[in-house]
C-alpha cells in the first residue's frame, strides 16, 4: 500500500481493498478554510466560513522496532576517528587497525571473506602521502545470494575507510602534521556500511549476492576501488556486477536533502530514489553528474552504473576539525534506511539497469580527485552540487580565504575564472590546476541580478 499511495493525486480520502490492493473509493473535500480562498463579495454580503473540522490525533497502526541504532553508528564513528587512529593515513598503524576492526565486524555480521584468502585485498599505493609506495588493504565481505537465476551476479555497497592522516594528499600546508580525524570523510560512510551489513545478514541470504567493500587509497586517487574492479572477488566476475552503491561523507544530513550523485549512470536511478524518498520519508535530491566525487567513478569507468550517497559540503572538509561531535547520528540512521531500501530493490530486480553513463568521466568533479595532484592553490568556497546553474554556486565561503577576501559571498555563482568559463565543478577544478599561488585572477560572479568581476589573490594549498 505504501508503494501504491505515491502514484495517486491530491485526494482527501482513498480506500483500498484486497491484497493487491485495489482502489475502491476516492474523492476530495471542499476547501473551506484554505489560505488561498478569498471572499470577493461586498462586506455586507459575506458570511463567516465554517470552522475547520477538528480531527482527533491518532496513533500509528503499528510501531516497528528501529532497524538501525544511532548508538551503534556513533560507536563506529568515534572508534574510527579517535586520536589513536591518527587520521587513518596510508601506511599508518591507525589505518591497519581500522582494517582489522572492519574485518571483525564483517565476521560478526556473518559475512564470508571475499579477499585473497581472507578478508583483505592487498595492493600497493603508487604514490603515497610522501611519494613512497605504500602497502594498502581493501576489506571485502560477501553475503551470498540465494536465487540460482542470479548466479555470478552481485551488487556492491562500498565506503572508503582511509583518510589524510597527518600529511596525506589534500592536507593544507598550514595544517601539515596535525591529525585529520575524518569523522564525516569517511568514518560516517563506514559506520553505515557496517550496520547495513549486519542488518542485511540478519535477514538471511538475499536473492542476489551483495559485496560489502571497505576501500583504502581513495584519498590517493581511488586506488583501492580501481584495484577492486581489476580483481573482483572469486566467482563474481565484473560482467555480473549489476550496480554499485557508494557511501561517502554522509554524516551531516541535518534538515537538508540527502544527495545522490551520478544518477545519470542509469535511467532507473532517479525513479528508484524517488520511490525510496516516498517510502522512507527522507527528502532526496538526485544529481546526474558528480561522477568523479568518490569511488563510484571506478565502477562507472568499467561501464557499471554506480551512485554515491552524500549529505552536504562543509567547512571541515579535509580539515583537523572534521570530528565525531559534529556528526548527525539521527541523520546517519536515515541514510542507512535509504541505502537499505535502494539495496533491497537492486538485489531482487530481475534484469540489469538501463546503463546511460551520462555522468561519465569528465562530469562535475567534487573535491581533490584523480589528477588533482597538480593543483597548487586554494580558492576558498564550499560548492553546491546542483547542476544547470551556468557556473559553480558557493554554498558558503571559507572565512579569511582568497574568495572571502575578494568579496565572494555564499549564494554567488562563479561563471568565469581567469577568463575561462566554469560551467561545472569539473571545469572549475581544471581551471584552478592552471594557476599559481600568489596569482591575482579575475572571477566573474553572478549575484542575484548583478554581474560582478572580482579579483582573487590565490594562496598556496
Protein backbone atom coordinates (compact mmCIF):
# COMPACT_ATOMS: atom_id res chain seq x y z
CA UNK A 1 0.00 0.00 0.00
CA UNK A 2 2.82 2.40 0.85
CA UNK A 3 4.27 1.85 -2.59
CA UNK A 4 0.93 2.50 -4.32
CA UNK A 5 -0.06 5.68 -2.50
CA UNK A 6 2.61 7.96 -4.07
CA UNK A 7 1.10 7.31 -7.51
CA UNK A 8 -2.25 8.89 -6.54
CA UNK A 9 -3.01 12.58 -6.81
CA UNK A 10 -4.05 15.03 -4.13
CA UNK A 11 -7.16 13.28 -2.84
CA UNK A 12 -8.77 13.98 0.51
CA UNK A 13 -9.56 10.33 1.06
CA UNK A 14 -8.69 6.98 -0.53
CA UNK A 15 -9.99 3.48 0.12
CA UNK A 16 -8.43 0.17 -0.86
CA UNK A 17 -9.49 -3.49 -0.73
CA UNK A 18 -7.77 -6.80 -1.25
CA UNK A 19 -4.17 -7.97 -1.16
CA UNK A 20 -3.19 -6.25 -4.41
CA UNK A 21 -4.70 -3.79 -3.15
CA UNK A 22 -7.33 -2.28 -5.45
CA UNK A 23 -8.56 1.30 -5.08
CA UNK A 24 -12.33 1.31 -4.45
CA UNK A 25 -13.10 4.87 -3.38
CA UNK A 26 -11.53 8.31 -3.67
CA UNK A 27 -12.59 11.92 -3.53
CA UNK A 28 -11.90 15.46 -2.37
CA UNK A 29 -13.42 17.53 0.40
CA UNK A 30 -14.35 21.15 -0.40
CA UNK A 31 -11.66 23.63 0.68
CA UNK A 32 -13.48 25.80 3.20
CA UNK A 33 -10.53 27.02 5.24
CA UNK A 34 -7.80 27.24 2.64
CA UNK A 35 -5.44 30.23 2.94
CA UNK A 36 -5.79 30.59 -0.83
CA UNK A 37 -9.55 31.15 -0.59
CA UNK A 38 -10.76 34.77 -0.70
CA UNK A 39 -14.33 36.10 -0.39
CA UNK A 40 -14.67 38.85 -3.02
CA UNK A 41 -18.23 39.80 -2.13
CA UNK A 42 -19.09 43.13 -0.51
CA UNK A 43 -18.55 43.10 3.29
CA UNK A 44 -22.30 43.17 4.00
CA UNK A 45 -22.83 40.10 1.85
CA UNK A 46 -20.03 38.00 3.32
CA UNK A 47 -20.68 35.10 5.61
CA UNK A 48 -18.22 33.62 8.05
CA UNK A 49 -16.57 30.49 6.66
CA UNK A 50 -17.30 27.32 8.55
CA UNK A 51 -14.82 26.43 11.23
CA UNK A 52 -12.27 23.85 10.09
CA UNK A 53 -13.04 20.34 11.23
CA UNK A 54 -11.07 19.10 14.21
CA UNK A 55 -9.83 15.57 13.91
CA UNK A 56 -8.60 13.53 16.85
CA UNK A 57 -4.94 12.65 16.90
CA UNK A 58 -4.45 9.01 16.03
CA UNK A 59 -1.60 6.71 16.89
CA UNK A 60 0.18 4.75 14.19
CA UNK A 61 -1.33 1.35 13.42
CA UNK A 62 1.99 -0.29 14.21
CA UNK A 63 5.31 0.79 15.72
CA UNK A 64 8.16 -1.16 14.19
CA UNK A 65 11.39 -1.57 16.15
CA UNK A 66 14.23 0.53 14.71
CA UNK A 67 16.48 -1.36 12.30
CA UNK A 68 19.46 0.95 12.81
CA UNK A 69 20.71 2.13 16.18
CA UNK A 70 22.26 5.61 16.38
CA UNK A 71 24.36 4.45 19.36
CA UNK A 72 25.94 1.70 17.24
CA UNK A 73 26.65 4.15 14.43
CA UNK A 74 28.18 6.56 16.94
CA UNK A 75 30.43 3.84 18.36
CA UNK A 76 31.85 3.05 14.91
CA UNK A 77 32.49 6.71 14.02
CA UNK A 78 34.09 7.51 17.37
CA UNK A 79 36.39 4.47 17.17
CA UNK A 80 37.49 5.13 13.59
CA UNK A 81 38.00 8.88 14.14
CA UNK A 82 39.63 8.56 17.57
CA UNK A 83 43.03 10.24 18.10
CA UNK A 84 44.64 6.78 18.38
CA UNK A 85 43.89 6.17 14.68
CA UNK A 86 45.84 9.37 13.77
CA UNK A 87 43.60 10.12 10.80
CA UNK A 88 43.94 6.70 9.10
CA UNK A 89 46.63 7.84 6.68
CA UNK A 90 48.07 5.45 4.07
CA UNK A 91 50.69 3.15 5.58
CA UNK A 92 49.83 4.10 9.17
CA UNK A 93 49.20 1.84 12.13
CA UNK A 94 45.84 3.56 12.60
CA UNK A 95 44.71 2.56 9.11
CA UNK A 96 45.85 -1.03 9.67
CA UNK A 97 43.89 -1.15 12.93
CA UNK A 98 40.82 0.20 11.14
CA UNK A 99 41.07 -2.59 8.53
CA UNK A 100 41.15 -5.20 11.31
CA UNK A 101 38.18 -3.52 13.03
CA UNK A 102 36.10 -3.66 9.85
CA UNK A 103 37.03 -7.30 9.17
CA UNK A 104 36.00 -8.25 12.71
CA UNK A 105 32.60 -6.56 12.26
CA UNK A 106 32.07 -8.28 8.93
CA UNK A 107 32.78 -11.63 10.59
CA UNK A 108 30.41 -10.84 13.47
CA UNK A 109 27.67 -9.98 10.95
CA UNK A 110 28.06 -13.41 9.33
CA UNK A 111 29.58 -12.34 6.00
CA UNK A 112 32.00 -14.56 4.11
CA UNK A 113 35.56 -13.33 3.42
CA UNK A 114 35.84 -12.01 -0.13
CA UNK A 115 39.51 -11.09 -0.29
CA UNK A 116 42.50 -13.09 -1.42
CA UNK A 117 42.50 -15.99 1.02
CA UNK A 118 40.73 -13.96 3.69
CA UNK A 119 39.11 -10.59 4.28
CA UNK A 120 41.80 -8.46 2.63
CA UNK A 121 42.81 -7.45 -0.88
CA UNK A 122 46.36 -6.13 -0.69
CA UNK A 123 47.75 -3.66 -3.20
CA UNK A 124 50.49 -1.08 -3.46
CA UNK A 125 49.56 2.59 -3.47
CA UNK A 126 51.51 4.02 -6.37
CA UNK A 127 52.07 7.43 -4.79
CA UNK A 128 51.96 7.51 -1.01
CA UNK A 129 51.50 10.58 1.12
CA UNK A 130 55.22 11.41 0.76
CA UNK A 131 55.86 9.99 -2.68
CA UNK A 132 56.78 6.47 -1.47
CA UNK A 133 54.85 3.31 -2.44
CA UNK A 134 52.80 2.04 0.49
CA UNK A 135 51.01 -1.25 1.14
CA UNK A 136 47.23 -0.87 1.49
CA UNK A 137 44.30 -3.24 2.02
CA UNK A 138 40.69 -3.34 0.90
CA UNK A 139 38.37 -5.21 3.28
CA UNK A 140 35.83 -7.37 1.42
CA UNK A 141 32.84 -9.23 2.87
CA UNK A 142 30.29 -11.22 0.84
CA UNK A 143 26.66 -12.04 1.58
CA UNK A 144 25.89 -14.84 -0.94
CA UNK A 145 22.69 -14.74 -2.95
CA UNK A 146 20.03 -17.43 -2.76
CA UNK A 147 18.45 -17.36 -6.24
CA UNK A 148 20.16 -19.67 -8.78
CA UNK A 149 18.88 -17.42 -11.57
CA UNK A 150 21.25 -14.73 -10.27
CA UNK A 151 24.36 -16.95 -10.08
CA UNK A 152 27.53 -14.96 -10.78
CA UNK A 153 25.69 -11.65 -10.28
CA UNK A 154 26.29 -9.15 -7.48
CA UNK A 155 25.67 -5.67 -6.16
CA UNK A 156 28.45 -3.74 -4.40
CA UNK A 157 27.99 -1.48 -1.38
CA UNK A 158 31.15 0.46 -0.59
CA UNK A 159 32.73 3.10 1.62
CA UNK A 160 36.37 4.15 1.87
CA UNK A 161 37.96 3.95 5.32
CA UNK A 162 41.26 5.75 4.69
CA UNK A 163 41.73 9.48 5.31
CA UNK A 164 44.56 12.02 5.25
CA UNK A 165 46.43 11.14 8.44
CA UNK A 166 48.84 13.98 9.16
CA UNK A 167 50.28 14.68 5.70
CA UNK A 168 48.16 12.99 3.00
CA UNK A 169 47.13 14.46 -0.30
CA UNK A 170 44.68 17.28 0.37
CA UNK A 171 46.22 18.43 3.67
CA UNK A 172 46.68 22.20 3.66
CA UNK A 173 50.26 23.34 4.03
CA UNK A 174 49.39 25.25 7.20
CA UNK A 175 47.97 22.06 8.79
CA UNK A 176 50.74 19.58 7.98
CA UNK A 177 51.48 17.38 10.97
CA UNK A 178 48.03 17.80 12.53
CA UNK A 179 45.75 14.76 12.85
CA UNK A 180 42.84 14.85 10.40
CA UNK A 181 40.23 12.60 12.09
CA UNK A 182 37.98 12.14 9.04
CA UNK A 183 34.78 11.62 11.05
CA UNK A 184 32.49 12.62 8.18
CA UNK A 185 35.01 11.74 5.45
CA UNK A 186 34.57 8.86 5.80
CA UNK A 187 34.06 7.20 9.17
CA UNK A 188 30.38 8.10 8.67
CA UNK A 189 30.12 6.03 5.48
CA UNK A 190 31.96 3.08 7.03
CA UNK A 191 29.60 3.15 10.03
CA UNK A 192 26.58 2.89 7.72
CA UNK A 193 28.32 0.13 5.72
CA UNK A 194 28.92 -1.95 8.85
CA UNK A 195 25.38 -1.57 10.20
CA UNK A 196 23.88 -2.23 6.77
CA UNK A 197 25.90 -5.46 6.54
CA UNK A 198 24.71 -6.52 9.99
CA UNK A 199 21.05 -5.76 9.24
CA UNK A 200 21.02 -7.47 5.84
CA UNK A 201 22.83 -10.61 7.03
CA UNK A 202 20.36 -10.90 9.93
CA UNK A 203 17.54 -11.38 7.39
CA UNK A 204 19.25 -14.28 5.64
CA UNK A 205 20.53 -14.58 2.11
CA UNK A 206 19.17 -12.04 -0.40
CA UNK A 207 18.17 -13.13 -3.92
CA UNK A 208 21.34 -11.62 -5.45
CA UNK A 209 24.82 -11.58 -3.87
CA UNK A 210 25.86 -8.41 -2.05
CA UNK A 211 29.54 -7.47 -1.75
CA UNK A 212 30.39 -5.12 1.11
CA UNK A 213 33.65 -3.34 0.29
CA UNK A 214 35.65 -1.02 2.54
CA UNK A 215 38.17 0.61 0.24
CA UNK A 216 41.56 2.07 1.07
CA UNK A 217 43.55 4.52 -1.07
CA UNK A 218 40.52 6.63 -2.03
CA UNK A 219 42.24 9.82 -0.92
CA UNK A 220 45.26 8.89 -3.06
CA UNK A 221 43.24 8.72 -6.29
CA UNK A 222 40.60 5.97 -5.86
CA UNK A 223 43.33 3.35 -5.91
CA UNK A 224 41.55 0.79 -3.73
CA UNK A 225 38.35 0.74 -5.78
CA UNK A 226 40.34 0.64 -9.01
CA UNK A 227 42.22 -2.39 -7.71
CA UNK A 228 38.88 -3.99 -6.80
CA UNK A 229 37.34 -3.62 -10.27
CA UNK A 230 40.55 -5.03 -11.75
CA UNK A 231 40.43 -8.01 -9.32
CA UNK A 232 36.79 -8.73 -8.35
CA UNK A 233 36.07 -11.46 -5.76
CA UNK A 234 36.33 -15.05 -6.97
CA UNK A 235 33.10 -16.29 -8.53
CA UNK A 236 31.74 -12.78 -9.01
CA UNK A 237 33.01 -11.55 -12.38
CA UNK A 238 32.83 -7.89 -13.30
CA UNK A 239 30.37 -8.74 -16.08
CA UNK A 240 27.89 -9.86 -13.43
CA UNK A 241 28.23 -6.75 -11.27
CA UNK A 242 24.83 -5.10 -11.68
CA UNK A 243 25.31 -1.83 -9.75
CA UNK A 244 27.35 -0.12 -7.04
CA UNK A 245 26.11 1.99 -4.13
CA UNK A 246 28.87 4.12 -2.56
CA UNK A 247 28.66 5.80 0.86
CA UNK A 248 31.00 8.77 1.26
CA UNK A 249 30.61 11.77 3.59
CA UNK A 250 27.11 11.01 4.85
CA UNK A 251 27.31 12.36 8.41
CA UNK A 252 25.92 15.89 8.14
CA UNK A 253 22.31 15.38 6.98
CA UNK A 254 20.56 17.71 9.42
CA UNK A 255 17.43 19.18 7.84
CA UNK A 256 18.88 19.05 4.32
CA UNK A 257 18.09 16.69 1.46
CA UNK A 258 20.19 13.57 1.04
CA UNK A 259 22.14 13.93 -2.21
CA UNK A 260 22.51 11.00 -4.58
CA UNK A 261 25.31 11.74 -7.04
CA UNK A 262 25.83 10.22 -10.52
CA UNK A 263 22.20 9.17 -11.05
CA UNK A 264 22.81 9.83 -14.73
CA UNK A 265 24.60 6.47 -15.00
CA UNK A 266 21.31 4.52 -15.38
CA UNK A 267 17.86 5.68 -16.39
CA UNK A 268 16.24 3.90 -13.40
CA UNK A 269 18.23 5.59 -10.63
CA UNK A 270 16.08 8.72 -10.43
CA UNK A 271 12.92 6.60 -10.18
CA UNK A 272 14.48 4.26 -7.62
CA UNK A 273 15.36 7.10 -5.29
CA UNK A 274 12.10 8.94 -5.88
CA UNK A 275 10.35 5.80 -4.65
CA UNK A 276 12.77 5.46 -1.73
CA UNK A 277 12.03 9.06 -0.73
CA UNK A 278 8.30 8.29 -0.67
CA UNK A 279 8.61 5.07 1.32
CA UNK A 280 11.18 6.36 3.86
CA UNK A 281 10.07 9.98 4.18
CA UNK A 282 13.69 11.13 3.69
CA UNK A 283 13.94 14.02 1.17
CA UNK A 284 16.34 13.06 -1.63
CA UNK A 285 17.94 15.15 -4.36
CA UNK A 286 19.18 13.23 -7.42
CA UNK A 287 22.16 14.79 -9.22
CA UNK A 288 23.02 13.28 -12.60
CA UNK A 289 26.68 14.34 -12.52
CA UNK A 290 29.46 14.49 -9.90
CA UNK A 291 30.64 11.08 -11.08
CA UNK A 292 34.24 11.79 -10.06
CA UNK A 293 33.47 12.66 -6.47
CA UNK A 294 34.38 9.26 -4.97
CA UNK A 295 34.87 5.53 -5.57
CA UNK A 296 31.77 5.17 -7.76
CA UNK A 297 33.92 6.52 -10.60
CA UNK A 298 35.98 3.30 -10.67
CA UNK A 299 32.82 1.33 -11.44
CA UNK A 300 31.50 3.89 -13.91
CA UNK A 301 34.78 3.68 -15.84
CA UNK A 302 34.04 -0.04 -16.30
CA UNK A 303 30.51 0.60 -17.59
CA UNK A 304 28.77 -0.26 -14.29
CA UNK A 305 26.02 2.12 -13.09
CA UNK A 306 27.04 3.49 -9.71
CA UNK A 307 25.92 6.27 -7.37
CA UNK A 308 27.17 7.96 -4.23
CA UNK A 309 25.10 8.89 -1.19
CA UNK A 310 26.33 12.21 0.18
CA UNK A 311 24.92 14.65 2.71
CA UNK A 312 26.44 18.12 2.35
CA UNK A 313 29.63 20.08 1.89
CA UNK A 314 31.03 21.90 4.91
CA UNK A 315 34.00 23.93 6.07
CA UNK A 316 35.52 20.96 7.94
CA UNK A 317 36.19 19.02 4.72
CA UNK A 318 39.80 17.74 4.82
CA UNK A 319 40.45 19.70 8.00
CA UNK A 320 41.52 18.68 11.54
CA UNK A 321 38.08 19.93 12.63
CA UNK A 322 36.21 17.02 10.96
CA UNK A 323 35.47 15.43 14.36
CA UNK A 324 32.80 12.99 15.67
CA UNK A 325 30.99 15.59 17.78
CA UNK A 326 29.75 17.23 14.56
CA UNK A 327 28.12 14.10 13.15
CA UNK A 328 24.32 13.91 12.97
CA UNK A 329 23.74 10.33 14.15
CA UNK A 330 19.98 10.57 13.73
CA UNK A 331 20.69 11.58 10.16
CA UNK A 332 23.01 8.58 9.76
CA UNK A 333 20.06 6.34 10.64
CA UNK A 334 18.09 7.96 7.79
CA UNK A 335 20.99 7.43 5.37
CA UNK A 336 21.17 3.77 6.39
CA UNK A 337 17.42 3.34 5.83
CA UNK A 338 17.69 4.89 2.35
CA UNK A 339 20.65 2.67 1.48
CA UNK A 340 18.79 -0.40 2.71
CA UNK A 341 15.72 0.41 0.61
CA UNK A 342 17.78 1.00 -2.54
CA UNK A 343 19.79 -2.15 -1.95
CA UNK A 344 16.60 -4.13 -1.37
CA UNK A 345 15.44 -3.11 -4.84
CA UNK A 346 18.77 -3.90 -6.50
CA UNK A 347 19.12 -7.41 -5.07
CA UNK A 348 15.75 -8.55 -6.41
CA UNK A 349 15.43 -6.62 -9.70
CA UNK A 350 15.18 -9.31 -12.43
CA UNK A 351 17.17 -7.59 -15.16
CA UNK A 352 20.10 -5.15 -15.29
CA UNK A 353 19.68 -1.41 -15.02
CA UNK A 354 19.49 0.56 -18.26
CA UNK A 355 23.02 1.97 -18.45
CA UNK A 356 23.29 5.52 -19.75
CA UNK A 357 26.52 6.73 -18.11
CA UNK A 358 25.52 10.37 -18.59
CA UNK A 359 27.73 11.04 -15.57
CA UNK A 360 30.79 9.52 -17.21
CA UNK A 361 34.34 10.76 -16.54
CA UNK A 362 34.55 14.44 -17.30
CA UNK A 363 31.32 15.30 -15.50
CA UNK A 364 31.34 17.55 -12.46
CA UNK A 365 34.10 16.67 -10.03
CA UNK A 366 33.90 17.35 -6.31
CA UNK A 367 36.99 17.93 -4.20
CA UNK A 368 40.55 16.75 -4.90
CA UNK A 369 40.38 13.62 -7.03
CA UNK A 370 42.44 11.78 -9.66
CA UNK A 371 44.79 14.20 -11.38
CA UNK A 372 44.35 16.87 -8.73
CA UNK A 373 47.93 16.39 -7.53
CA UNK A 374 48.91 19.27 -9.81
CA UNK A 375 46.53 21.70 -8.12
CA UNK A 376 48.61 24.10 -6.02
CA UNK A 377 46.17 26.80 -4.98
CA UNK A 378 43.32 27.39 -2.54
CA UNK A 379 40.24 29.33 -3.65
CA UNK A 380 38.01 29.09 -0.59
CA UNK A 381 34.41 28.15 -1.39
CA UNK A 382 32.25 25.22 -0.27
CA UNK A 383 30.45 24.35 -3.52
CA UNK A 384 26.83 23.46 -4.10
CA UNK A 385 26.46 20.28 -6.20
CA UNK A 386 23.39 21.43 -8.11
CA UNK A 387 23.62 21.40 -11.88
CA UNK A 388 22.29 23.67 -14.57
CA UNK A 389 23.33 26.89 -12.84
CA UNK A 390 25.65 28.03 -15.61
CA UNK A 391 28.50 28.09 -13.10
CA UNK A 392 29.61 26.97 -9.64
CA UNK A 393 27.46 28.20 -6.77
CA UNK A 394 29.19 28.94 -3.47
CA UNK A 395 27.16 27.19 -0.78
CA UNK A 396 29.34 29.05 1.70
CA UNK A 397 32.72 30.78 1.77
CA UNK A 398 35.68 29.78 3.93
CA UNK A 399 36.46 32.62 6.36
CA UNK A 400 39.68 34.55 5.63
CA UNK A 401 40.15 32.64 2.36
CA UNK A 402 41.06 34.15 -1.04
CA UNK A 403 37.37 34.07 -2.03
CA UNK A 404 36.29 35.77 1.20
CA UNK A 405 38.93 38.48 0.90
CA UNK A 406 37.85 39.13 -2.70
CA UNK A 407 34.25 39.74 -1.59
CA UNK A 408 32.64 36.50 -2.81
CA UNK A 409 29.58 35.59 -0.74
CA UNK A 410 27.52 32.47 -0.11
CA UNK A 411 24.95 32.16 -2.90
CA UNK A 412 27.21 33.74 -5.55
CA UNK A 413 27.57 31.77 -8.80
CA UNK A 414 31.07 31.83 -10.29
CA UNK A 415 30.74 31.71 -14.08
CA UNK A 416 34.31 32.55 -15.22
CA UNK A 417 37.75 32.23 -13.64
CA UNK A 418 40.81 33.87 -15.17
CA UNK A 419 38.85 34.39 -18.39
CA UNK A 420 37.75 30.73 -18.63
CA UNK A 421 34.08 29.71 -18.41
CA UNK A 422 33.49 27.36 -15.47
CA UNK A 423 30.04 25.90 -16.04
CA UNK A 424 30.62 22.90 -13.73
CA UNK A 425 32.68 21.85 -10.75
CA UNK A 426 34.87 19.82 -13.07
CA UNK A 427 35.66 22.86 -15.19
CA UNK A 428 36.27 24.94 -12.06
CA UNK A 429 38.73 22.34 -10.72
CA UNK A 430 40.56 22.15 -14.06
CA UNK A 431 40.88 25.94 -14.16
CA UNK A 432 42.42 26.00 -10.67
CA UNK A 433 45.09 23.46 -11.75
CA UNK A 434 46.45 26.01 -14.23
CA UNK A 435 47.00 28.69 -11.58
CA UNK A 436 49.86 29.52 -9.21
CA UNK A 437 49.97 30.66 -5.55
CA UNK A 438 50.14 34.44 -5.35
CA UNK A 439 48.49 34.90 -8.74
CA UNK A 440 45.72 37.52 -8.92
CA UNK A 441 42.90 36.33 -11.19
CA UNK A 442 39.55 37.84 -12.21
CA UNK A 443 36.45 35.90 -11.20
CA UNK A 444 33.15 36.75 -12.87
CA UNK A 445 30.31 36.28 -10.40
CA UNK A 446 26.52 36.32 -10.73
CA UNK A 447 24.81 37.66 -7.59
CA UNK A 448 21.04 37.73 -8.00
CA UNK A 449 20.52 40.05 -11.00
CA UNK A 450 24.03 41.54 -10.81
CA UNK A 451 27.11 40.52 -12.82
CA UNK A 452 30.31 41.30 -10.90
CA UNK A 453 34.00 40.91 -11.61
CA UNK A 454 36.12 40.38 -8.51
CA UNK A 455 39.87 39.91 -8.24
CA UNK A 456 41.02 36.90 -6.24
CA UNK A 457 44.55 36.57 -4.88
CA UNK A 458 45.18 32.81 -4.70
CA UNK A 459 47.16 31.24 -1.84
CA UNK A 460 49.13 28.02 -1.56
CA UNK A 461 47.12 24.92 -0.94
